[in-house]
Amino acid sequence: MFFAAVVLFVASLPQDATVPSTGALQLRLDDALRTALENDLSLKIEDVAIDIAELEFRRGWGAFDPIARATAGYTNSERPNTQPFLPVSSIDSEVYSFGAGVNLPLLTGGSFDASVQQDTQTTNVSVFPTSVSDTLALSFNQPLLRGAWYEYKTSGLRESGKRYMAQIERAQQARQDLLKRVEDAYWDLVAAGEQLRVAEETLALGREQLEQNRRRLDAGVGTEVEVLQAETNVAQRIEQRLAREVSVRGAADRLKGLMYPGTDPAKWDLEITPVSSLPAVKPENIPNWGAALAIALTARPELKRQAFEIEAVEEQLVRATSDRRPTLDFSLSTSSSAVDGGEWDALRDAASWDFPTYQASLSFSSPTMNIAALAAERSARAAMRSARLVYDQIESQIVEEVRAAVRNTQYSIEAVRAANASTELARRQLAAEQARFREGLSTNFQVLEFQQQLAESLYSQTLARANLAKALTALEKAQGTLDVEPR
């Protein structure tokens, strides 16, 4: 009675229930990967970060932009006359001033400057009531110690360039992480579908055995116990099939979560059918760990990113080292001035450089203790040591990951071979036992035992093949070569 109750309970379950959907999708692995790459929000964030880093790099070139300037001024003054020979009670004057210039920063850390200044003065006490004064000036300034020369002046630009390249590698790392998650989810869905087909196959075997037992009972050569055993077996197979259906739906949702982030019901209700097959065993394509490591050390994005971080910190050290030095600036300048009654006449006379002034100078200054610069340099050197230690740490982790990935792949290949052999033997054993049962040389219980062994072998075979597919993906990621390719 217990077996009959179990059969009736399981038979009442919705055996063929399906999730309502708005469409179906035949999905290849490379299509799943491309869709995830297009829609993933974390990758979009990384792309924005790349744009920001690129703009920061471009902004660094602004340090070499020429700077144009212009000034204008007006002065009106009135003061009492203290000169008795002047026939006025007060001295009045107006001055209109106009100036313009350009400063050109140089890659050496210095700068070149050119300027023109014109002052037009009107007074009530001069023989010439209006006079124009023009001054043209050229100057060159070059630091010789602190902040001097090309390496210092361009270090900030190079640092932002390294940060930009590091961000590109960071995005590439995020891309590969996403690809691995999508591939694992895809193979999990394929494996779940295979497991469902195994459940359906074993259910068909159970139903076939049940019908055979019923015919034997009707013919008077079987027993009711054998029929109940077969019915219980069928009920268990139905339960397993229902569990596999739920697994398929769960695996599909995990894959859809990676492909279609958001809350769109049309996407979540898609019935996904994977069409890419689990990979075949090709041991000759598996490199040894030394060869795989050589690839990884040149291709892993996190290692490249840390190398750029080291180079960026080196640029900080260049500036910190220079900032510890005293300031010693060399300057050269020349100017020419002229005064005339007309604006153009004064400008022409000044431009003729008939009465030039030349000047050369050195200026020196140094903090007495220089504590801030010394601390900044030590901090930069500590940051450099830290960045290099992180690089070594990443290298060590990569060695471990590569060895594990190669080892797991080799194990998965052997596991697939063993599972294939086990499944073939289980099929042959079941066929032989069914033949013996038909001849009355075996029992129903033994047949059901062999059916269970075949089911377990088929489940193990599917799981082993899915694990091999994920192990191959992990090996590609460990080498840093994982990308979208037709599968």
Protein backbone atom coordinates (compact mmCIF):
# COMPACT_ATOMS: atom_id res chain seq x y z
CA MET A 1 0.00 0.00 0.00
CA PHE A 2 2.89 2.33 0.70
CA PHE A 3 4.29 1.89 -2.81
CA ALA A 4 0.87 2.48 -4.32
CA ALA A 5 0.43 5.68 -2.33
CA VAL A 6 3.80 6.97 -3.55
CA VAL A 7 2.89 6.22 -7.14
CA LEU A 8 -0.47 8.00 -6.86
CA PHE A 9 1.08 11.05 -5.20
CA VAL A 10 3.85 11.50 -7.77
CA ALA A 11 1.48 10.78 -10.65
CA SER A 12 -0.69 13.68 -9.46
CA LEU A 13 2.21 16.13 -9.91
CA PRO A 14 2.26 18.37 -13.05
CA GLN A 15 4.70 16.33 -15.11
CA ASP A 16 4.87 18.56 -18.14
CA ALA A 17 4.52 22.01 -16.56
CA THR A 18 6.37 24.77 -18.42
CA VAL A 19 7.08 28.40 -17.67
CA PRO A 20 4.90 30.75 -19.71
CA SER A 21 7.06 32.55 -22.22
CA THR A 22 6.79 35.23 -24.82
CA GLY A 23 9.30 33.65 -27.19
CA ALA A 24 12.05 31.11 -27.75
CA LEU A 25 15.73 31.66 -28.49
CA GLN A 26 18.14 29.25 -30.16
CA LEU A 27 21.36 30.40 -28.53
CA ARG A 28 24.95 29.71 -29.51
CA LEU A 29 27.76 30.25 -27.03
CA ASP A 30 29.42 33.09 -28.97
CA ASP A 31 26.05 34.85 -29.30
CA ALA A 32 25.56 34.59 -25.54
CA LEU A 33 29.02 36.05 -24.98
CA ARG A 34 28.46 38.97 -27.35
CA THR A 35 25.07 39.76 -25.87
CA ALA A 36 26.52 39.81 -22.37
CA LEU A 37 29.39 42.06 -23.48
CA GLU A 38 26.92 44.50 -25.03
CA ASN A 39 24.61 44.66 -22.02
CA ASP A 40 26.79 44.19 -18.94
CA LEU A 41 26.61 47.23 -16.68
CA SER A 42 30.00 46.73 -15.04
CA LEU A 43 31.68 46.80 -18.46
CA LYS A 44 29.84 49.99 -19.31
CA ILE A 45 31.16 51.52 -16.09
CA GLU A 46 34.68 50.42 -17.02
CA ASP A 47 34.25 52.00 -20.47
CA VAL A 48 33.28 55.29 -18.85
CA ALA A 49 36.35 55.02 -16.62
CA ILE A 50 38.47 54.55 -19.77
CA ASP A 51 36.98 57.72 -21.26
CA ILE A 52 37.74 59.62 -18.04
CA ALA A 53 41.34 58.34 -17.99
CA GLU A 54 41.80 59.30 -21.64
CA LEU A 55 40.47 62.81 -20.99
CA GLU A 56 42.81 63.13 -17.99
CA PHE A 57 45.68 62.15 -20.27
CA ARG A 58 44.67 64.72 -22.86
CA ARG A 59 44.26 67.34 -20.17
CA GLY A 60 47.93 66.86 -19.28
CA TRP A 61 48.93 68.37 -22.61
CA GLY A 62 47.30 71.60 -21.45
CA ALA A 63 50.47 72.30 -19.45
CA PHE A 64 52.13 73.18 -22.78
CA ASP A 65 49.37 75.43 -24.10
CA PRO A 66 50.60 78.96 -24.96
CA ILE A 67 49.03 81.53 -22.64
CA ALA A 68 47.91 84.81 -24.21
CA ARG A 69 47.21 87.83 -22.02
CA ALA A 70 46.00 91.37 -22.44
CA THR A 71 45.60 94.30 -20.06
CA ALA A 72 43.98 97.72 -20.27
CA GLY A 73 44.00 100.50 -17.71
CA TYR A 74 43.13 104.14 -17.15
CA THR A 75 44.65 106.52 -14.61
CA ASN A 76 43.51 110.07 -13.86
CA SER A 77 45.57 112.10 -11.40
CA GLU A 78 45.55 115.69 -10.13
CA ARG A 79 48.04 117.16 -7.68
CA PRO A 80 48.93 120.72 -6.60
CA ASN A 81 51.64 122.56 -8.49
CA THR A 82 54.76 123.07 -6.35
CA GLN A 83 56.86 124.49 -9.15
CA PRO A 84 56.60 128.27 -9.25
CA PHE A 85 57.79 128.48 -12.84
CA LEU A 86 54.79 126.50 -14.11
CA PRO A 87 51.83 128.74 -14.98
CA VAL A 88 49.22 126.35 -13.57
CA SER A 89 47.75 125.84 -10.16
CA SER A 90 47.59 122.03 -10.45
CA ILE A 91 49.18 119.32 -12.55
CA ASP A 92 46.61 117.14 -14.27
CA SER A 93 47.36 113.95 -16.21
CA GLU A 94 45.56 111.04 -17.81
CA VAL A 95 47.21 107.75 -18.74
CA TYR A 96 45.71 105.08 -21.01
CA SER A 97 47.59 101.76 -20.74
CA PHE A 98 47.35 98.76 -23.08
CA GLY A 99 49.42 95.61 -22.90
CA ALA A 100 49.54 92.23 -24.56
CA GLY A 101 51.79 89.22 -24.40
CA VAL A 102 52.16 85.50 -24.86
CA ASN A 103 53.89 82.91 -22.67
CA LEU A 104 55.04 79.65 -24.23
CA PRO A 105 55.81 76.79 -21.82
CA LEU A 106 58.64 74.56 -23.01
CA LEU A 107 59.24 70.83 -22.67
CA THR A 108 62.43 71.64 -20.78
CA GLY A 109 60.44 73.09 -17.88
CA GLY A 110 61.26 76.64 -18.85
CA SER A 111 59.22 79.23 -20.70
CA PHE A 112 59.54 81.90 -23.36
CA ASP A 113 57.67 85.20 -22.97
CA ALA A 114 57.02 88.10 -25.36
CA SER A 115 55.11 91.26 -24.46
CA VAL A 116 54.31 94.78 -25.62
CA GLN A 117 53.20 97.65 -23.37
CA GLN A 118 51.91 101.04 -24.54
CA ASP A 119 51.14 104.00 -22.26
CA THR A 120 49.52 107.17 -23.66
CA GLN A 121 49.84 110.13 -21.29
CA THR A 122 48.12 113.52 -21.57
CA THR A 123 49.16 116.36 -19.22
CA ASN A 124 48.66 120.12 -18.94
CA VAL A 125 52.28 121.05 -18.18
CA SER A 126 54.28 119.46 -20.99
CA VAL A 127 55.48 121.06 -24.20
CA PHE A 128 54.01 118.02 -25.85
CA PRO A 129 50.70 117.55 -24.07
CA THR A 130 50.37 113.97 -25.37
CA SER A 131 53.19 111.43 -25.35
CA VAL A 132 53.21 107.73 -26.17
CA SER A 133 55.62 105.23 -24.53
CA ASP A 134 56.06 101.74 -25.99
CA THR A 135 58.06 98.86 -24.53
CA LEU A 136 58.77 95.55 -26.23
CA ALA A 137 60.21 92.75 -24.10
CA LEU A 138 61.44 89.20 -24.68
CA SER A 139 62.45 86.84 -21.88
CA PHE A 140 63.49 83.24 -21.34
CA ASN A 141 63.44 81.39 -18.03
CA GLN A 142 64.85 77.92 -17.39
CA PRO A 143 65.00 75.98 -14.10
CA LEU A 144 68.33 74.22 -13.67
CA LEU A 145 67.66 72.07 -10.58
CA ARG A 146 64.15 71.75 -9.15
CA GLY A 147 61.50 71.17 -11.83
CA ALA A 148 64.08 71.19 -14.59
CA TRP A 149 64.30 69.48 -17.96
CA TYR A 150 62.17 67.17 -20.03
CA GLU A 151 61.87 64.21 -17.62
CA TYR A 152 60.29 66.36 -14.92
CA LYS A 153 58.10 68.52 -17.11
CA THR A 154 56.51 65.56 -18.91
CA SER A 155 56.35 63.17 -15.95
CA GLY A 156 52.76 64.12 -15.10
CA LEU A 157 51.74 63.57 -18.71
CA ARG A 158 53.42 60.17 -18.79
CA GLU A 159 51.82 59.22 -15.48
CA SER A 160 48.33 60.00 -16.74
CA GLY A 161 49.15 57.99 -19.87
CA LYS A 162 50.13 55.01 -17.75
CA ARG A 163 46.93 55.36 -15.72
CA TYR A 164 44.99 55.39 -18.97
CA MET A 165 46.67 52.18 -20.17
CA ALA A 166 46.16 50.58 -16.76
CA GLN A 167 42.43 51.35 -16.96
CA ILE A 168 42.26 49.69 -20.38
CA GLU A 169 43.79 46.55 -18.87
CA ARG A 170 41.39 46.78 -15.94
CA ALA A 171 38.48 46.81 -18.38
CA GLN A 172 40.01 43.85 -20.21
CA GLN A 173 40.23 41.95 -16.94
CA ALA A 174 36.57 42.70 -16.22
CA ARG A 175 35.73 41.57 -19.74
CA GLN A 176 37.46 38.22 -19.26
CA ASP A 177 35.83 37.73 -15.87
CA LEU A 178 32.44 38.28 -17.50
CA LEU A 179 33.24 35.91 -20.37
CA LYS A 180 34.16 33.17 -17.92
CA ARG A 181 30.97 33.66 -15.93
CA VAL A 182 28.87 33.56 -19.10
CA GLU A 183 30.65 30.46 -20.45
CA ASP A 184 30.24 28.68 -17.12
CA ALA A 185 26.55 29.61 -17.01
CA TYR A 186 26.08 28.48 -20.63
CA TRP A 187 27.72 25.10 -20.01
CA ASP A 188 25.70 24.74 -16.80
CA LEU A 189 22.56 25.22 -18.91
CA VAL A 190 23.79 22.71 -21.49
CA ALA A 191 24.59 20.23 -18.72
CA ALA A 192 21.19 20.79 -17.11
CA GLY A 193 19.52 20.10 -20.45
CA GLU A 194 21.59 16.94 -20.88
CA GLN A 195 20.67 15.87 -17.36
CA LEU A 196 17.00 16.39 -18.22
CA ARG A 197 17.36 14.19 -21.30
CA VAL A 198 19.02 11.54 -19.15
CA ALA A 199 16.10 11.74 -16.71
CA GLU A 200 13.66 11.32 -19.60
CA GLU A 201 15.65 8.38 -20.97
CA THR A 202 15.76 6.60 -17.64
CA LEU A 203 12.06 7.37 -17.12
CA ALA A 204 11.34 5.70 -20.45
CA LEU A 205 13.36 2.66 -19.35
CA GLY A 206 11.40 2.54 -16.08
CA ARG A 207 8.07 2.75 -17.87
CA GLU A 208 9.15 0.04 -20.28
CA GLN A 209 10.06 -2.21 -17.33
CA LEU A 210 6.73 -1.42 -15.67
CA GLU A 211 4.77 -2.44 -18.76
CA GLN A 212 6.78 -5.62 -19.03
CA ASN A 213 6.09 -6.49 -15.39
CA ARG A 214 2.38 -5.85 -15.84
CA ARG A 215 2.29 -8.17 -18.85
CA ARG A 216 4.15 -10.82 -16.85
CA LEU A 217 1.65 -10.40 -14.01
CA ASP A 218 -1.28 -10.75 -16.44
CA ALA A 219 0.35 -13.86 -17.89
CA GLY A 220 0.69 -15.36 -14.42
CA VAL A 221 4.51 -15.51 -14.49
CA GLY A 222 5.11 -12.29 -12.54
CA THR A 223 4.25 -11.02 -9.11
CA GLU A 224 2.45 -7.96 -7.77
CA VAL A 225 5.57 -7.00 -5.82
CA GLU A 226 7.53 -6.70 -9.07
CA VAL A 227 4.86 -4.39 -10.47
CA LEU A 228 4.90 -2.24 -7.32
CA GLN A 229 8.69 -2.06 -7.45
CA ALA A 230 8.55 -0.91 -11.08
CA GLU A 231 5.82 1.64 -10.27
CA THR A 232 7.90 3.03 -7.43
CA ASN A 233 10.89 3.24 -9.75
CA VAL A 234 8.80 5.16 -12.29
CA ALA A 235 7.60 7.54 -9.60
CA GLN A 236 11.17 8.21 -8.53
CA ARG A 237 12.17 8.81 -12.17
CA ILE A 238 9.32 11.29 -12.57
CA GLU A 239 10.48 13.12 -9.45
CA GLN A 240 14.03 13.23 -10.81
CA ARG A 241 12.79 14.56 -14.13
CA LEU A 242 10.86 17.33 -12.38
CA ALA A 243 13.99 18.23 -10.39
CA ARG A 244 16.00 18.37 -13.64
CA GLU A 245 13.38 20.65 -15.21
CA VAL A 246 13.73 23.03 -12.29
CA SER A 247 17.53 22.90 -12.70
CA VAL A 248 17.20 23.80 -16.37
CA ARG A 249 15.03 26.81 -15.56
CA GLY A 250 17.41 27.94 -12.82
CA ALA A 251 20.43 27.62 -15.11
CA ALA A 252 18.59 29.53 -17.83
CA ASP A 253 17.79 32.36 -15.40
CA ARG A 254 21.43 32.59 -14.33
CA LEU A 255 22.49 32.91 -17.95
CA LYS A 256 19.74 35.45 -18.70
CA GLY A 257 20.83 37.47 -15.67
CA LEU A 258 24.26 37.85 -17.27
CA MET A 259 22.92 38.53 -20.75
CA TYR A 260 19.97 40.80 -19.95
CA PRO A 261 20.49 42.79 -16.75
CA GLY A 262 17.33 44.62 -15.78
CA THR A 263 13.69 43.83 -15.19
CA ASP A 264 12.29 43.41 -18.71
CA PRO A 265 9.72 40.54 -18.48
CA ALA A 266 10.09 39.78 -22.19
CA LYS A 267 13.76 38.95 -21.68
CA TRP A 268 13.28 36.95 -18.50
CA ASP A 269 10.44 34.89 -20.04
CA LEU A 270 12.52 33.82 -23.05
CA GLU A 271 12.84 30.06 -23.46
CA ILE A 272 16.55 29.60 -24.16
CA THR A 273 17.71 26.52 -26.02
CA PRO A 274 21.51 26.21 -26.17
CA VAL A 275 22.75 24.81 -29.48
CA SER A 276 26.53 24.73 -28.89
CA SER A 277 27.70 21.25 -27.98
CA LEU A 278 29.95 20.35 -25.11
CA PRO A 279 33.58 20.22 -26.33
CA ALA A 280 35.20 16.96 -27.34
CA VAL A 281 38.27 15.58 -25.60
CA LYS A 282 41.47 16.83 -27.31
CA PRO A 283 44.38 16.20 -24.93
CA GLU A 284 46.93 17.16 -27.57
CA ASN A 285 45.70 20.77 -27.40
CA ILE A 286 46.41 21.10 -23.65
CA PRO A 287 49.79 22.80 -23.02
CA ASN A 288 52.04 21.89 -20.14
CA TRP A 289 52.01 24.35 -17.28
CA GLY A 290 55.34 25.92 -18.26
CA ALA A 291 54.11 26.82 -21.75
CA ALA A 292 50.79 28.02 -20.36
CA LEU A 293 52.59 30.18 -17.80
CA ALA A 294 54.77 31.78 -20.49
CA ILE A 295 51.60 32.84 -22.31
CA ALA A 296 49.98 34.08 -19.10
CA LEU A 297 52.95 36.25 -18.11
CA THR A 298 52.62 38.17 -21.37
CA ALA A 299 48.84 38.17 -21.74
CA ARG A 300 47.23 38.43 -18.29
CA PRO A 301 45.59 41.89 -18.08
CA GLU A 302 46.04 42.25 -14.31
CA LEU A 303 49.80 41.76 -14.71
CA LYS A 304 49.92 44.35 -17.50
CA ARG A 305 47.85 46.73 -15.40
CA GLN A 306 50.21 46.42 -12.45
CA ALA A 307 53.19 47.02 -14.74
CA PHE A 308 51.58 50.29 -15.82
CA GLU A 309 50.93 51.12 -12.16
CA ILE A 310 54.64 50.65 -11.42
CA GLU A 311 55.57 52.95 -14.29
CA ALA A 312 53.07 55.55 -13.06
CA VAL A 313 54.58 55.46 -9.58
CA GLU A 314 58.03 55.84 -11.15
CA GLU A 315 56.88 59.13 -12.64
CA GLN A 316 55.75 60.28 -9.20
CA LEU A 317 59.22 59.43 -7.91
CA VAL A 318 60.81 61.48 -10.70
CA ARG A 319 58.91 64.56 -9.55
CA ALA A 320 59.47 63.89 -5.84
CA THR A 321 63.22 63.53 -6.40
CA SER A 322 63.37 66.77 -8.35
CA ASP A 323 61.33 68.62 -5.74
CA ARG A 324 63.95 67.85 -3.09
CA ARG A 325 66.53 69.90 -4.94
CA PRO A 326 67.11 73.61 -4.38
CA THR A 327 65.64 76.09 -6.83
CA LEU A 328 68.15 77.48 -9.32
CA ASP A 329 66.62 79.40 -12.22
CA PHE A 330 68.45 80.99 -15.13
CA SER A 331 66.83 83.97 -16.85
CA LEU A 332 67.61 85.98 -19.97
CA SER A 333 65.65 89.05 -21.05
CA THR A 334 65.86 91.95 -23.43
CA SER A 335 63.63 94.98 -23.93
CA SER A 336 63.39 98.07 -26.07
CA SER A 337 61.53 101.29 -25.22
CA ALA A 338 60.66 104.43 -27.15
CA VAL A 339 58.69 107.64 -26.49
CA ASP A 340 57.05 109.65 -29.25
CA GLY A 341 54.08 111.80 -29.92
CA GLY A 342 52.23 109.22 -32.01
CA GLU A 343 51.23 105.66 -31.26
CA TRP A 344 52.68 104.10 -34.38
CA ASP A 345 55.83 106.20 -34.26
CA ALA A 346 56.59 105.05 -30.70
CA LEU A 347 55.90 101.41 -31.60
CA ARG A 348 58.15 101.65 -34.70
CA ASP A 349 60.99 103.16 -32.70
CA ALA A 350 60.73 100.49 -30.01
CA ALA A 351 60.69 97.73 -32.64
CA SER A 352 63.89 99.09 -34.19
CA TRP A 353 65.68 98.02 -30.99
CA ASP A 354 68.04 101.02 -31.20
CA PHE A 355 68.24 101.37 -27.43
CA PRO A 356 67.99 97.86 -26.01
CA THR A 357 68.35 96.61 -22.48
CA TYR A 358 69.79 93.16 -21.81
CA GLN A 359 69.73 91.23 -18.57
CA ALA A 360 70.92 87.80 -17.39
CA SER A 361 70.38 86.44 -13.90
CA LEU A 362 70.56 83.38 -11.67
CA SER A 363 68.24 83.00 -8.71
CA PHE A 364 68.76 80.44 -5.97
CA SER A 365 66.57 79.39 -3.05
CA SER A 366 66.32 76.38 -0.81
CA PRO A 367 64.23 75.45 2.22
CA THR A 368 66.42 75.18 5.29
CA MET A 369 65.02 71.79 6.34
CA ASN A 370 63.05 70.65 3.25
CA ILE A 371 61.00 68.28 5.42
CA ALA A 372 57.96 68.17 3.11
CA ALA A 373 59.98 67.31 0.00
CA LEU A 374 62.01 64.69 1.85
CA ALA A 375 58.84 63.01 3.16
CA ALA A 376 57.26 63.12 -0.31
CA GLU A 377 60.30 61.41 -1.85
CA ARG A 378 60.34 58.70 0.81
CA SER A 379 56.62 58.18 0.32
CA ALA A 380 57.12 57.81 -3.44
CA ARG A 381 59.89 55.26 -2.90
CA ALA A 382 57.68 53.30 -0.49
CA ALA A 383 54.86 53.37 -3.07
CA MET A 384 57.32 52.04 -5.64
CA ARG A 385 58.32 49.13 -3.39
CA SER A 386 54.66 48.38 -2.70
CA ALA A 387 53.76 48.39 -6.41
CA ARG A 388 56.59 45.99 -7.21
CA LEU A 389 55.62 43.68 -4.36
CA VAL A 390 52.04 43.62 -5.67
CA TYR A 391 53.43 42.71 -9.10
CA ASP A 392 55.37 39.81 -7.59
CA GLN A 393 52.27 38.73 -5.69
CA ILE A 394 50.17 38.72 -8.86
CA GLU A 395 52.85 36.69 -10.65
CA SER A 396 52.80 34.11 -7.87
CA GLN A 397 49.00 33.91 -8.01
CA ILE A 398 49.13 33.45 -11.78
CA VAL A 399 51.58 30.55 -11.42
CA GLU A 400 49.20 28.88 -8.99
CA GLU A 401 46.16 29.53 -11.20
CA VAL A 402 47.88 28.23 -14.34
CA ARG A 403 49.09 25.06 -12.66
CA ALA A 404 45.64 24.45 -11.19
CA ALA A 405 43.94 25.12 -14.54
CA VAL A 406 46.23 22.74 -16.44
CA ARG A 407 45.87 20.09 -13.73
CA ASN A 408 42.07 20.40 -13.64
CA THR A 409 41.85 20.23 -17.42
CA GLN A 410 43.96 17.10 -17.57
CA TYR A 411 41.90 15.56 -14.77
CA SER A 412 38.65 16.51 -16.54
CA ILE A 413 39.82 14.83 -19.73
CA GLU A 414 40.53 11.62 -17.87
CA ALA A 415 37.23 11.95 -15.99
CA VAL A 416 35.33 12.20 -19.30
CA ARG A 417 37.11 9.13 -20.63
CA ALA A 418 36.31 7.20 -17.47
CA ALA A 419 32.68 8.37 -17.52
CA ASN A 420 32.31 7.36 -21.17
CA ALA A 421 33.66 3.90 -20.42
CA SER A 422 31.48 3.58 -17.33
CA THR A 423 28.36 4.58 -19.27
CA GLU A 424 29.07 2.11 -22.05
CA LEU A 425 29.57 -0.69 -19.55
CA ALA A 426 26.40 0.28 -17.65
CA ARG A 427 24.39 0.13 -20.89
CA ARG A 428 25.79 -3.30 -21.72
CA GLN A 429 25.16 -4.58 -18.21
CA LEU A 430 21.55 -3.36 -18.29
CA ALA A 431 20.95 -4.90 -21.71
CA ALA A 432 22.39 -8.21 -20.52
CA GLU A 433 20.35 -8.15 -17.32
CA GLN A 434 17.16 -7.33 -19.23
CA ALA A 435 17.82 -10.30 -21.51
CA ARG A 436 18.35 -12.55 -18.48
CA PHE A 437 15.15 -11.21 -16.91
CA ARG A 438 13.16 -12.05 -20.03
CA GLU A 439 14.52 -15.60 -19.80
CA GLY A 440 13.62 -15.82 -16.11
CA LEU A 441 17.27 -15.88 -15.01
CA SER A 442 17.22 -12.56 -13.15
CA THR A 443 14.94 -10.62 -10.87
CA ASN A 444 13.09 -7.36 -11.29
CA PHE A 445 15.08 -5.86 -8.43
CA GLN A 446 18.37 -6.54 -10.23
CA VAL A 447 17.09 -4.97 -13.44
CA LEU A 448 16.05 -1.85 -11.55
CA GLU A 449 19.46 -1.75 -9.86
CA PHE A 450 21.19 -1.78 -13.24
CA GLN A 451 18.83 0.94 -14.47
CA GLN A 452 19.86 3.07 -11.50
CA GLN A 453 23.53 2.41 -12.25
CA LEU A 454 23.01 3.49 -15.85
CA ALA A 455 21.24 6.67 -14.72
CA GLU A 456 24.07 7.52 -12.36
CA SER A 457 26.64 6.83 -15.08
CA LEU A 458 24.79 9.07 -17.53
CA TYR A 459 24.54 11.85 -14.97
CA SER A 460 28.24 11.51 -14.18
CA GLN A 461 29.13 11.53 -17.87
CA THR A 462 27.19 14.74 -18.49
CA LEU A 463 28.67 16.40 -15.42
CA ALA A 464 32.19 15.35 -16.43
CA ARG A 465 31.77 16.80 -19.93
CA ALA A 466 30.40 20.07 -18.52
CA ASN A 467 33.29 20.24 -16.04
CA LEU A 468 35.72 19.72 -18.92
CA ALA A 469 34.14 22.61 -20.82
CA LYS A 470 34.46 24.87 -17.77
CA ALA A 471 38.01 23.66 -17.14
CA LEU A 472 38.97 24.63 -20.70
CA THR A 473 37.44 28.05 -20.11
CA ALA A 474 39.36 28.40 -16.84
CA LEU A 475 42.58 27.46 -18.64
CA GLU A 476 42.02 30.15 -21.27
CA LYS A 477 41.34 32.71 -18.57
CA ALA A 478 44.40 31.62 -16.60
CA GLN A 479 46.48 32.23 -19.73
CA GLY A 480 44.76 35.57 -20.36
CA THR A 481 43.56 34.51 -23.81
CA LEU A 482 39.82 34.16 -23.16
CA ASP A 483 37.76 35.98 -25.79
CA VAL A 484 34.70 35.63 -27.97
CA GLU A 485 35.23 32.93 -30.56
CA PRO A 486 32.81 30.77 -32.57
CA ARG A 487 32.11 27.55 -30.63
